Amino acid sequence: MSDIAENVKSIILNNSEIGIQEIDSEDSLFRIGIDSLTLLYIINEIEVKYNICIPDDELLINNFETINKICALILKLTEEGYHG
């Protein structure tokens, strides 16, 4: 697992109110119980950690379905210069 994936995983586990102990990079966050409020906290921490600002048109459920999809979004935004 890449450094970004490990960081995202850590952010998700730290913000989980439902006591998730482990998550795989392809597990659906929503199927394991991550709700919309928790997702907002996760998004905020990702923006701070990577000094990016996720534009409104990228705030799609599909972009946050799995750790791998979140990592792809982070890479895309950092390469395109969406700094916070």
C-alpha atoms as a PDB file:
ATOM      1  CA  MET A   1       0.000   0.000   0.000  1.00  0.00           C
ATOM      2  CA  SER A   2       1.364   3.429  -0.938  1.00  0.00           C
ATOM      3  CA  ASP A   3       2.114   6.186   1.554  1.00  0.00           C
ATOM      4  CA  ILE A   4      -0.961   8.090   0.389  1.00  0.00           C
ATOM      5  CA  ALA A   5      -3.135   5.009   0.848  1.00  0.00           C
ATOM      6  CA  GLU A   6      -1.711   4.420   4.327  1.00  0.00           C
ATOM      7  CA  ASN A   7      -2.403   8.052   5.262  1.00  0.00           C
ATOM      8  CA  VAL A   8      -5.954   7.908   3.920  1.00  0.00           C
ATOM      9  CA  LYS A   9      -6.562   4.628   5.732  1.00  0.00           C
ATOM     10  CA  SER A  10      -5.307   6.170   8.971  1.00  0.00           C
ATOM     11  CA  ILE A  11      -7.559   9.221   8.503  1.00  0.00           C
ATOM     12  CA  ILE A  12     -10.579   6.979   7.904  1.00  0.00           C
ATOM     13  CA  LEU A  13      -9.880   4.750  10.907  1.00  0.00           C
ATOM     14  CA  ASN A  14      -9.265   7.763  13.174  1.00  0.00           C
ATOM     15  CA  ASN A  15     -12.553   9.378  12.120  1.00  0.00           C
ATOM     16  CA  SER A  16     -14.678   6.248  12.278  1.00  0.00           C
ATOM     17  CA  GLU A  17     -17.332   6.500  14.961  1.00  0.00           C
ATOM     18  CA  ILE A  18     -18.377   2.899  14.387  1.00  0.00           C
ATOM     19  CA  GLY A  19     -15.170   1.280  15.562  1.00  0.00           C
ATOM     20  CA  ILE A  20     -13.701   0.065  12.289  1.00  0.00           C
ATOM     21  CA  GLN A  21     -10.433  -1.679  13.086  1.00  0.00           C
ATOM     22  CA  GLU A  22      -9.289  -2.596   9.589  1.00  0.00           C
ATOM     23  CA  ILE A  23     -10.127  -1.603   6.040  1.00  0.00           C
ATOM     24  CA  ASP A  24      -8.834  -2.784   2.683  1.00  0.00           C
ATOM     25  CA  SER A  25      -8.054  -0.351  -0.123  1.00  0.00           C
ATOM     26  CA  GLU A  26     -10.989  -1.661  -2.193  1.00  0.00           C
ATOM     27  CA  ASP A  27     -13.589  -1.895   0.596  1.00  0.00           C
ATOM     28  CA  SER A  28     -16.615   0.344   0.084  1.00  0.00           C
ATOM     29  CA  LEU A  29     -16.527   2.986   2.804  1.00  0.00           C
ATOM     30  CA  PHE A  30     -20.292   3.322   2.696  1.00  0.00           C
ATOM     31  CA  ARG A  31     -20.937  -0.414   2.991  1.00  0.00           C
ATOM     32  CA  ILE A  32     -18.795  -0.594   6.118  1.00  0.00           C
ATOM     33  CA  GLY A  33     -20.750   2.214   7.729  1.00  0.00           C
ATOM     34  CA  ILE A  34     -19.066   5.546   6.932  1.00  0.00           C
ATOM     35  CA  ASP A  35     -21.827   8.168   6.844  1.00  0.00           C
ATOM     36  CA  SER A  36     -21.949  11.589   5.193  1.00  0.00           C
ATOM     37  CA  LEU A  37     -20.930  13.519   8.322  1.00  0.00           C
ATOM     38  CA  THR A  38     -17.913  11.303   8.896  1.00  0.00           C
ATOM     39  CA  LEU A  39     -17.016  11.701   5.234  1.00  0.00           C
ATOM     40  CA  LEU A  40     -16.942  15.490   5.695  1.00  0.00           C
ATOM     41  CA  TYR A  41     -14.397  15.091   8.507  1.00  0.00           C
ATOM     42  CA  ILE A  42     -12.353  12.731   6.338  1.00  0.00           C
ATOM     43  CA  ILE A  43     -12.418  15.190   3.414  1.00  0.00           C
ATOM     44  CA  ASN A  44     -11.338  18.040   5.686  1.00  0.00           C
ATOM     45  CA  GLU A  45      -8.385  16.069   7.043  1.00  0.00           C
ATOM     46  CA  ILE A  46      -7.333  15.052   3.533  1.00  0.00           C
ATOM     47  CA  GLU A  47      -7.419  18.679   2.387  1.00  0.00           C
ATOM     48  CA  VAL A  48      -5.271  19.740   5.342  1.00  0.00           C
ATOM     49  CA  LYS A  49      -2.842  16.810   5.087  1.00  0.00           C
ATOM     50  CA  TYR A  50      -2.205  17.283   1.362  1.00  0.00           C
ATOM     51  CA  ASN A  51      -2.692  21.062   1.225  1.00  0.00           C
ATOM     52  CA  ILE A  52      -5.355  20.738  -1.454  1.00  0.00           C
ATOM     53  CA  CYS A  53      -8.791  22.183  -1.947  1.00  0.00           C
ATOM     54  CA  ILE A  54     -11.223  19.649  -3.364  1.00  0.00           C
ATOM     55  CA  PRO A  55     -13.414  21.540  -5.833  1.00  0.00           C
ATOM     56  CA  ASP A  56     -17.184  21.159  -5.636  1.00  0.00           C
ATOM     57  CA  ASP A  57     -17.323  19.298  -8.949  1.00  0.00           C
ATOM     58  CA  GLU A  58     -15.055  16.583  -7.479  1.00  0.00           C
ATOM     59  CA  LEU A  59     -17.185  16.092  -4.346  1.00  0.00           C
ATOM     60  CA  LEU A  60     -18.874  13.069  -5.848  1.00  0.00           C
ATOM     61  CA  ILE A  61     -19.744   9.949  -3.874  1.00  0.00           C
ATOM     62  CA  ASN A  62     -17.895   7.865  -6.458  1.00  0.00           C
ATOM     63  CA  ASN A  63     -14.613   9.704  -5.717  1.00  0.00           C
ATOM     64  CA  PHE A  64     -14.840   8.642  -2.059  1.00  0.00           C
ATOM     65  CA  GLU A  65     -16.130   5.073  -2.429  1.00  0.00           C
ATOM     66  CA  THR A  66     -12.799   3.373  -1.613  1.00  0.00           C
ATOM     67  CA  ILE A  67      -9.317   4.242  -0.403  1.00  0.00           C
ATOM     68  CA  ASN A  68      -7.992   3.660  -3.921  1.00  0.00           C
ATOM     69  CA  LYS A  69     -10.473   6.133  -5.410  1.00  0.00           C
ATOM     70  CA  ILE A  70      -9.593   8.736  -2.777  1.00  0.00           C
ATOM     71  CA  CYS A  71      -5.891   8.239  -3.561  1.00  0.00           C
ATOM     72  CA  ALA A  72      -6.550   8.724  -7.267  1.00  0.00           C
ATOM     73  CA  LEU A  73      -8.377  11.971  -6.513  1.00  0.00           C
ATOM     74  CA  ILE A  74      -5.552  13.214  -4.279  1.00  0.00           C
ATOM     75  CA  LEU A  75      -2.974  12.462  -6.972  1.00  0.00           C
ATOM     76  CA  LYS A  76      -5.067  14.167  -9.634  1.00  0.00           C
ATOM     77  CA  LEU A  77      -5.583  17.300  -7.559  1.00  0.00           C
ATOM     78  CA  THR A  78      -1.979  17.610  -6.414  1.00  0.00           C
ATOM     79  CA  GLU A  79      -0.772  17.218 -10.008  1.00  0.00           C
ATOM     80  CA  GLU A  80      -3.266  19.835 -11.217  1.00  0.00           C
ATOM     81  CA  GLY A  81      -2.291  22.261  -8.449  1.00  0.00           C
ATOM     82  CA  TYR A  82      -5.512  22.483  -6.433  1.00  0.00           C
ATOM     83  CA  HIS A  83      -3.731  23.779  -3.338  1.00  0.00           C
ATOM     84  CA  GLY A  84      -5.642  24.943  -0.305  1.00  0.00           C
END
